[in-house]
Amino acid sequence: MLKKILFAAIALIGAYYAVDQSSLVSQRSPASQPANAELIRAIGEQRRGYQVEGSGTVTRILSDDNDGSRHQRFILELESGQTLLVAHNIDLAPRVDGLKLGDTVSFFGEYEWNDRGGLIHWTHHDPAGQHVEGWVEHNGKRHK
């Protein structure tokens, strides 16, 4: 009888540790990482020409850049507190209308590091078909 109780206790302890370890594995899964984890890593590594997806809160709306191709420009703050300039080409993609301070914007584009945090561009299609298609999403509407 003592052997059965000892065996049951060992089995329960083993089951507890198995469940506990599986929860640790799931806590480290990519799905549970912050939404901008890869972007934050790119910023830390000072990457250039790196395709990323992310989102942030609009903290500043800048005037359009009309030199060469026209770009709608705004600043996003990530949950990490870091900021990014988004330069969205409005000659190749629709303008993000109705953009306001405090709005959430998601994007898929090319990250370029700079000493201010970096910028996101290529948030549009490539007419030449040479570059990955990017986008900006605001209020459920995707602009590409």
N, C-alpha and C. Protein backbone atom coordinates (compact mmCIF):
# COMPACT_ATOMS: atom_id res chain seq x y z
N MET A 1 0.82 -1.20 0.00
CA MET A 1 0.00 0.00 0.00
C MET A 1 0.86 1.26 0.00
N LEU A 2 1.93 1.24 0.78
CA LEU A 2 2.84 2.38 0.86
C LEU A 2 3.48 2.65 -0.50
N LYS A 3 3.80 1.57 -1.22
CA LYS A 3 4.39 1.73 -2.56
C LYS A 3 3.40 2.41 -3.50
N LYS A 4 2.11 2.07 -3.42
CA LYS A 4 1.09 2.69 -4.28
C LYS A 4 0.95 4.18 -3.97
N ILE A 5 0.96 4.53 -2.70
CA ILE A 5 0.84 5.95 -2.31
C ILE A 5 2.07 6.71 -2.77
N LEU A 6 3.25 6.13 -2.56
CA LEU A 6 4.49 6.77 -3.00
C LEU A 6 4.49 6.94 -4.53
N PHE A 7 4.08 5.90 -5.25
CA PHE A 7 4.01 5.97 -6.71
C PHE A 7 3.03 7.06 -7.15
N ALA A 8 1.86 7.15 -6.52
CA ALA A 8 0.86 8.17 -6.86
C ALA A 8 1.40 9.56 -6.58
N ALA A 9 2.10 9.72 -5.46
CA ALA A 9 2.67 11.04 -5.12
C ALA A 9 3.71 11.46 -6.15
N ILE A 10 4.56 10.53 -6.53
CA ILE A 10 5.59 10.84 -7.54
C ILE A 10 4.93 11.18 -8.88
N ALA A 11 3.88 10.45 -9.25
CA ALA A 11 3.16 10.72 -10.49
C ALA A 11 2.53 12.11 -10.47
N LEU A 12 1.93 12.47 -9.33
CA LEU A 12 1.32 13.80 -9.21
C LEU A 12 2.36 14.91 -9.29
N ILE A 13 3.49 14.70 -8.62
CA ILE A 13 4.56 15.72 -8.68
C ILE A 13 5.08 15.83 -10.12
N GLY A 14 5.27 14.70 -10.77
CA GLY A 14 5.71 14.73 -12.17
C GLY A 14 4.71 15.45 -13.07
N ALA A 15 3.43 15.18 -12.88
CA ALA A 15 2.39 15.84 -13.67
C ALA A 15 2.40 17.34 -13.41
N TYR A 16 2.56 17.74 -12.14
CA TYR A 16 2.61 19.17 -11.80
C TYR A 16 3.74 19.86 -12.55
N TYR A 17 4.95 19.28 -12.50
CA TYR A 17 6.08 19.89 -13.17
C TYR A 17 5.92 19.89 -14.69
N ALA A 18 5.31 18.88 -15.23
CA ALA A 18 5.07 18.83 -16.68
C ALA A 18 4.14 19.96 -17.10
N VAL A 19 3.06 20.17 -16.34
CA VAL A 19 2.13 21.26 -16.64
C VAL A 19 2.80 22.60 -16.44
N ASP A 20 3.57 22.75 -15.35
CA ASP A 20 4.25 24.00 -15.05
C ASP A 20 5.25 24.34 -16.16
N GLN A 21 6.03 23.36 -16.64
CA GLN A 21 7.00 23.59 -17.70
C GLN A 21 6.31 23.95 -19.02
N SER A 22 5.17 23.31 -19.32
CA SER A 22 4.47 23.62 -20.57
C SER A 22 3.94 25.04 -20.55
N SER A 23 3.55 25.54 -19.36
CA SER A 23 3.09 26.93 -19.31
C SER A 23 4.25 27.88 -19.51
N LEU A 24 5.45 27.51 -19.06
CA LEU A 24 6.62 28.36 -19.30
C LEU A 24 6.94 28.42 -20.78
N VAL A 25 6.85 27.29 -21.46
CA VAL A 25 7.11 27.26 -22.89
C VAL A 25 6.11 28.14 -23.62
N SER A 26 4.82 28.06 -23.26
CA SER A 26 3.83 28.87 -23.95
C SER A 26 4.01 30.35 -23.66
N GLN A 27 4.56 30.71 -22.47
CA GLN A 27 4.80 32.12 -22.15
C GLN A 27 5.88 32.70 -23.04
N ARG A 28 6.78 31.86 -23.53
CA ARG A 28 7.87 32.34 -24.37
C ARG A 28 7.55 32.25 -25.86
N SER A 29 6.36 31.83 -26.21
CA SER A 29 6.04 31.66 -27.62
C SER A 29 5.97 33.01 -28.32
N PRO A 30 6.28 33.07 -29.62
CA PRO A 30 6.25 34.33 -30.36
C PRO A 30 4.90 35.04 -30.28
N ALA A 31 3.82 34.29 -30.20
CA ALA A 31 2.49 34.90 -30.18
C ALA A 31 2.29 35.74 -28.92
N SER A 32 3.02 35.43 -27.84
CA SER A 32 2.83 36.18 -26.61
C SER A 32 3.82 37.34 -26.47
N GLN A 33 4.71 37.52 -27.42
CA GLN A 33 5.64 38.63 -27.38
C GLN A 33 4.90 39.93 -27.70
N PRO A 34 5.46 41.08 -27.27
CA PRO A 34 4.81 42.34 -27.62
C PRO A 34 4.60 42.44 -29.14
N ALA A 35 3.55 43.14 -29.54
CA ALA A 35 3.18 43.24 -30.95
C ALA A 35 4.33 43.74 -31.81
N ASN A 36 5.14 44.63 -31.31
CA ASN A 36 6.22 45.23 -32.08
C ASN A 36 7.59 44.66 -31.73
N ALA A 37 7.64 43.43 -31.22
CA ALA A 37 8.90 42.86 -30.74
C ALA A 37 9.98 42.86 -31.83
N GLU A 38 9.64 42.44 -33.03
CA GLU A 38 10.64 42.39 -34.10
C GLU A 38 11.09 43.80 -34.50
N LEU A 39 10.15 44.74 -34.53
CA LEU A 39 10.49 46.13 -34.85
C LEU A 39 11.40 46.71 -33.77
N ILE A 40 11.08 46.47 -32.51
CA ILE A 40 11.91 46.98 -31.41
C ILE A 40 13.31 46.38 -31.49
N ARG A 41 13.40 45.12 -31.87
CA ARG A 41 14.71 44.48 -32.05
C ARG A 41 15.47 45.15 -33.21
N ALA A 42 14.77 45.46 -34.30
CA ALA A 42 15.40 46.13 -35.45
C ALA A 42 15.93 47.51 -35.05
N ILE A 43 15.18 48.21 -34.22
CA ILE A 43 15.63 49.52 -33.74
C ILE A 43 16.90 49.35 -32.91
N GLY A 44 16.88 48.39 -32.00
CA GLY A 44 18.05 48.14 -31.15
C GLY A 44 19.28 47.74 -31.94
N GLU A 45 19.07 47.03 -33.03
CA GLU A 45 20.19 46.58 -33.88
C GLU A 45 20.55 47.60 -34.96
N GLN A 46 19.85 48.73 -34.97
CA GLN A 46 20.08 49.82 -35.93
C GLN A 46 20.06 49.30 -37.38
N ARG A 47 19.03 48.53 -37.68
CA ARG A 47 18.90 47.93 -39.02
C ARG A 47 18.48 48.96 -40.05
N ARG A 48 18.77 48.66 -41.28
CA ARG A 48 18.36 49.49 -42.42
C ARG A 48 17.82 48.57 -43.50
N GLY A 49 16.75 49.02 -44.17
CA GLY A 49 16.18 48.21 -45.25
C GLY A 49 15.55 46.93 -44.75
N TYR A 50 14.93 46.97 -43.58
CA TYR A 50 14.39 45.78 -42.93
C TYR A 50 12.87 45.83 -42.96
N GLN A 51 12.25 44.84 -43.58
CA GLN A 51 10.78 44.78 -43.72
C GLN A 51 10.15 44.40 -42.38
N VAL A 52 9.23 45.23 -41.88
CA VAL A 52 8.60 44.98 -40.57
C VAL A 52 7.12 45.30 -40.61
N GLU A 53 6.42 44.70 -39.66
CA GLU A 53 5.01 45.02 -39.42
C GLU A 53 4.92 45.52 -37.99
N GLY A 54 4.05 46.51 -37.77
CA GLY A 54 3.91 47.02 -36.41
C GLY A 54 2.71 47.93 -36.29
N SER A 55 2.61 48.55 -35.13
CA SER A 55 1.55 49.52 -34.90
C SER A 55 1.97 50.48 -33.81
N GLY A 56 1.33 51.64 -33.80
CA GLY A 56 1.64 52.64 -32.80
C GLY A 56 0.54 53.67 -32.74
N THR A 57 0.73 54.63 -31.85
CA THR A 57 -0.22 55.71 -31.63
C THR A 57 0.30 56.98 -32.26
N VAL A 58 -0.55 57.68 -32.99
CA VAL A 58 -0.16 58.93 -33.64
C VAL A 58 0.07 60.00 -32.57
N THR A 59 1.30 60.53 -32.54
CA THR A 59 1.62 61.59 -31.57
C THR A 59 1.86 62.93 -32.23
N ARG A 60 2.07 62.90 -33.55
CA ARG A 60 2.31 64.15 -34.27
C ARG A 60 1.98 63.95 -35.74
N ILE A 61 1.33 64.94 -36.34
CA ILE A 61 1.04 64.91 -37.77
C ILE A 61 1.84 66.03 -38.40
N LEU A 62 2.70 65.67 -39.33
CA LEU A 62 3.58 66.63 -39.99
C LEU A 62 3.00 67.05 -41.33
N SER A 63 3.55 68.12 -41.88
CA SER A 63 3.13 68.53 -43.22
C SER A 63 3.65 67.51 -44.23
N ASP A 64 2.98 67.44 -45.37
CA ASP A 64 3.42 66.54 -46.43
C ASP A 64 4.79 66.96 -46.93
N ASP A 65 5.58 65.97 -47.31
CA ASP A 65 6.85 66.22 -47.98
C ASP A 65 6.54 66.22 -49.47
N ASN A 66 6.70 67.36 -50.11
CA ASN A 66 6.37 67.49 -51.53
C ASN A 66 7.59 67.53 -52.44
N ASP A 67 8.78 67.27 -51.89
CA ASP A 67 9.99 67.21 -52.71
C ASP A 67 10.07 65.84 -53.37
N GLY A 68 10.06 65.80 -54.70
CA GLY A 68 10.06 64.52 -55.40
C GLY A 68 8.71 63.86 -55.24
N SER A 69 8.72 62.57 -54.94
CA SER A 69 7.45 61.87 -54.67
C SER A 69 6.85 62.44 -53.39
N ARG A 70 5.53 62.64 -53.41
CA ARG A 70 4.87 63.24 -52.24
C ARG A 70 4.63 62.18 -51.17
N HIS A 71 4.90 62.57 -49.92
CA HIS A 71 4.73 61.65 -48.79
C HIS A 71 3.93 62.32 -47.68
N GLN A 72 2.94 61.60 -47.19
CA GLN A 72 2.22 61.99 -45.98
C GLN A 72 3.10 61.55 -44.81
N ARG A 73 3.31 62.45 -43.85
CA ARG A 73 4.24 62.13 -42.76
C ARG A 73 3.56 62.29 -41.39
N PHE A 74 3.83 61.33 -40.53
CA PHE A 74 3.34 61.42 -39.16
C PHE A 74 4.25 60.59 -38.25
N ILE A 75 4.18 60.91 -36.96
CA ILE A 75 5.01 60.24 -35.96
C ILE A 75 4.13 59.27 -35.18
N LEU A 76 4.63 58.05 -35.00
CA LEU A 76 3.97 57.04 -34.18
C LEU A 76 4.82 56.76 -32.96
N GLU A 77 4.15 56.53 -31.83
CA GLU A 77 4.84 56.07 -30.64
C GLU A 77 4.47 54.61 -30.41
N LEU A 78 5.49 53.78 -30.21
CA LEU A 78 5.29 52.36 -29.94
C LEU A 78 5.01 52.17 -28.45
N GLU A 79 4.54 50.98 -28.07
CA GLU A 79 4.26 50.72 -26.65
C GLU A 79 5.53 50.80 -25.82
N SER A 80 6.69 50.68 -26.46
CA SER A 80 7.98 50.78 -25.77
C SER A 80 8.35 52.22 -25.46
N GLY A 81 7.61 53.17 -26.05
CA GLY A 81 7.93 54.59 -25.87
C GLY A 81 8.78 55.15 -27.01
N GLN A 82 9.31 54.28 -27.86
CA GLN A 82 10.11 54.73 -28.99
C GLN A 82 9.20 55.33 -30.05
N THR A 83 9.73 56.26 -30.82
CA THR A 83 8.95 56.91 -31.87
C THR A 83 9.54 56.61 -33.24
N LEU A 84 8.65 56.66 -34.24
CA LEU A 84 9.03 56.42 -35.63
C LEU A 84 8.35 57.45 -36.52
N LEU A 85 9.04 57.86 -37.54
CA LEU A 85 8.44 58.67 -38.60
C LEU A 85 7.89 57.71 -39.64
N VAL A 86 6.65 57.90 -40.02
CA VAL A 86 6.07 57.14 -41.14
C VAL A 86 6.01 58.09 -42.32
N ALA A 87 6.63 57.69 -43.43
CA ALA A 87 6.61 58.47 -44.67
C ALA A 87 5.85 57.63 -45.70
N HIS A 88 4.57 57.95 -45.88
CA HIS A 88 3.65 57.17 -46.71
C HIS A 88 3.51 57.85 -48.07
N ASN A 89 3.96 57.19 -49.12
CA ASN A 89 3.98 57.77 -50.48
C ASN A 89 2.55 57.93 -51.00
N ILE A 90 2.11 59.18 -51.13
CA ILE A 90 0.74 59.45 -51.59
C ILE A 90 0.66 59.67 -53.10
N ASP A 91 1.78 59.49 -53.79
CA ASP A 91 1.73 59.43 -55.25
C ASP A 91 1.40 58.00 -55.70
N LEU A 92 1.70 57.01 -54.85
CA LEU A 92 1.49 55.61 -55.19
C LEU A 92 0.38 54.94 -54.39
N ALA A 93 -0.05 55.55 -53.31
CA ALA A 93 -1.08 54.96 -52.44
C ALA A 93 -2.01 56.07 -51.96
N PRO A 94 -3.24 55.73 -51.58
CA PRO A 94 -4.15 56.74 -51.09
C PRO A 94 -3.68 57.35 -49.77
N ARG A 95 -3.96 58.61 -49.60
CA ARG A 95 -3.70 59.32 -48.34
C ARG A 95 -4.51 58.66 -47.23
N VAL A 96 -3.96 58.67 -46.02
CA VAL A 96 -4.68 58.20 -44.84
C VAL A 96 -5.52 59.37 -44.35
N ASP A 97 -6.78 59.41 -44.78
CA ASP A 97 -7.67 60.52 -44.43
C ASP A 97 -8.18 60.39 -43.00
N GLY A 98 -8.44 61.52 -42.38
CA GLY A 98 -9.04 61.54 -41.05
C GLY A 98 -8.09 61.17 -39.93
N LEU A 99 -6.81 61.17 -40.19
CA LEU A 99 -5.82 60.82 -39.19
C LEU A 99 -5.79 61.88 -38.09
N LYS A 100 -5.87 61.43 -36.83
CA LYS A 100 -5.88 62.36 -35.69
C LYS A 100 -4.88 61.91 -34.62
N LEU A 101 -4.47 62.86 -33.79
CA LEU A 101 -3.62 62.53 -32.66
C LEU A 101 -4.33 61.50 -31.79
N GLY A 102 -3.59 60.52 -31.32
CA GLY A 102 -4.16 59.47 -30.47
C GLY A 102 -4.70 58.27 -31.23
N ASP A 103 -4.81 58.37 -32.56
CA ASP A 103 -5.28 57.24 -33.36
C ASP A 103 -4.22 56.13 -33.38
N THR A 104 -4.69 54.90 -33.53
CA THR A 104 -3.80 53.76 -33.70
C THR A 104 -3.65 53.49 -35.19
N VAL A 105 -2.42 53.31 -35.61
CA VAL A 105 -2.10 53.01 -37.00
C VAL A 105 -1.23 51.75 -37.04
N SER A 106 -1.59 50.82 -37.90
CA SER A 106 -0.77 49.63 -38.15
C SER A 106 -0.09 49.82 -39.50
N PHE A 107 1.02 49.14 -39.68
CA PHE A 107 1.76 49.31 -40.94
C PHE A 107 2.56 48.06 -41.26
N PHE A 108 2.91 47.96 -42.54
CA PHE A 108 3.86 46.97 -43.03
C PHE A 108 4.71 47.73 -44.02
N GLY A 109 5.98 47.86 -43.72
CA GLY A 109 6.86 48.65 -44.58
C GLY A 109 8.32 48.37 -44.26
N GLU A 110 9.17 49.21 -44.82
CA GLU A 110 10.60 49.04 -44.66
C GLU A 110 11.10 49.99 -43.57
N TYR A 111 11.80 49.42 -42.60
CA TYR A 111 12.36 50.21 -41.49
C TYR A 111 13.77 50.67 -41.85
N GLU A 112 14.05 51.93 -41.56
CA GLU A 112 15.38 52.51 -41.73
C GLU A 112 15.76 53.18 -40.42
N TRP A 113 16.82 52.71 -39.79
CA TRP A 113 17.26 53.28 -38.53
C TRP A 113 17.82 54.68 -38.73
N ASN A 114 17.58 55.57 -37.76
CA ASN A 114 18.29 56.84 -37.66
C ASN A 114 18.38 57.19 -36.18
N ASP A 115 19.08 58.25 -35.85
CA ASP A 115 19.32 58.58 -34.44
C ASP A 115 18.08 59.08 -33.70
N ARG A 116 16.97 59.24 -34.40
CA ARG A 116 15.72 59.63 -33.75
C ARG A 116 14.77 58.45 -33.56
N GLY A 117 15.20 57.26 -33.89
CA GLY A 117 14.36 56.08 -33.74
C GLY A 117 14.15 55.37 -35.06
N GLY A 118 14.08 56.13 -36.13
CA GLY A 118 13.96 55.51 -37.43
C GLY A 118 12.72 55.93 -38.18
N LEU A 119 12.59 55.40 -39.37
CA LEU A 119 11.43 55.71 -40.18
C LEU A 119 10.93 54.46 -40.88
N ILE A 120 9.67 54.52 -41.22
CA ILE A 120 9.01 53.45 -41.98
C ILE A 120 8.61 54.05 -43.32
N HIS A 121 9.00 53.40 -44.40
CA HIS A 121 8.57 53.80 -45.74
C HIS A 121 8.27 52.55 -46.54
N TRP A 122 8.02 52.68 -47.83
CA TRP A 122 7.56 51.57 -48.68
C TRP A 122 6.26 50.98 -48.11
N THR A 123 5.36 51.87 -47.74
CA THR A 123 4.04 51.46 -47.22
C THR A 123 3.02 51.51 -48.36
N HIS A 124 3.41 51.01 -49.50
CA HIS A 124 2.59 51.07 -50.72
C HIS A 124 3.02 49.94 -51.65
N HIS A 125 2.32 49.82 -52.76
CA HIS A 125 2.71 48.83 -53.77
C HIS A 125 3.90 49.37 -54.56
N ASP A 126 4.60 48.49 -55.24
CA ASP A 126 5.71 48.88 -56.10
C ASP A 126 5.28 48.69 -57.54
N PRO A 127 5.08 49.78 -58.30
CA PRO A 127 4.65 49.65 -59.69
C PRO A 127 5.60 48.80 -60.54
N ALA A 128 6.88 48.77 -60.18
CA ALA A 128 7.85 47.98 -60.94
C ALA A 128 7.86 46.52 -60.50
N GLY A 129 7.18 46.20 -59.40
CA GLY A 129 7.13 44.82 -58.93
C GLY A 129 8.44 44.31 -58.37
N GLN A 130 9.33 45.19 -57.96
CA GLN A 130 10.64 44.80 -57.46
C GLN A 130 10.72 44.73 -55.94
N HIS A 131 9.75 45.34 -55.26
CA HIS A 131 9.79 45.46 -53.80
C HIS A 131 8.54 44.85 -53.18
N VAL A 132 8.66 44.36 -51.98
CA VAL A 132 7.52 43.82 -51.24
C VAL A 132 6.47 44.92 -51.07
N GLU A 133 5.20 44.56 -51.26
CA GLU A 133 4.11 45.52 -51.10
C GLU A 133 3.89 45.84 -49.63
N GLY A 134 3.80 47.13 -49.32
CA GLY A 134 3.54 47.56 -47.95
C GLY A 134 2.16 48.17 -47.83
N TRP A 135 1.81 48.61 -46.61
CA TRP A 135 0.50 49.21 -46.37
C TRP A 135 0.49 49.98 -45.06
N VAL A 136 -0.50 50.84 -44.93
CA VAL A 136 -0.82 51.52 -43.68
C VAL A 136 -2.29 51.26 -43.42
N GLU A 137 -2.65 50.89 -42.18
CA GLU A 137 -4.04 50.63 -41.85
C GLU A 137 -4.49 51.56 -40.74
N HIS A 138 -5.65 52.19 -40.97
CA HIS A 138 -6.22 53.16 -40.02
C HIS A 138 -7.73 53.00 -40.02
N ASN A 139 -8.32 52.88 -38.87
CA ASN A 139 -9.77 52.73 -38.74
C ASN A 139 -10.34 51.62 -39.64
N GLY A 140 -9.61 50.51 -39.72
CA GLY A 140 -10.08 49.35 -40.48
C GLY A 140 -9.89 49.45 -41.98
N LYS A 141 -9.29 50.53 -42.47
CA LYS A 141 -9.06 50.68 -43.90
C LYS A 141 -7.58 50.58 -44.20
N ARG A 142 -7.24 49.70 -45.13
CA ARG A 142 -5.85 49.49 -45.53
C ARG A 142 -5.53 50.35 -46.75
N HIS A 143 -4.48 51.14 -46.66
CA HIS A 143 -4.02 52.03 -47.74
C HIS A 143 -2.73 51.45 -48.30
N LYS A 144 -2.80 51.05 -49.60
CA LYS A 144 -1.61 50.49 -50.23
C LYS A 144 -1.58 50.87 -51.68
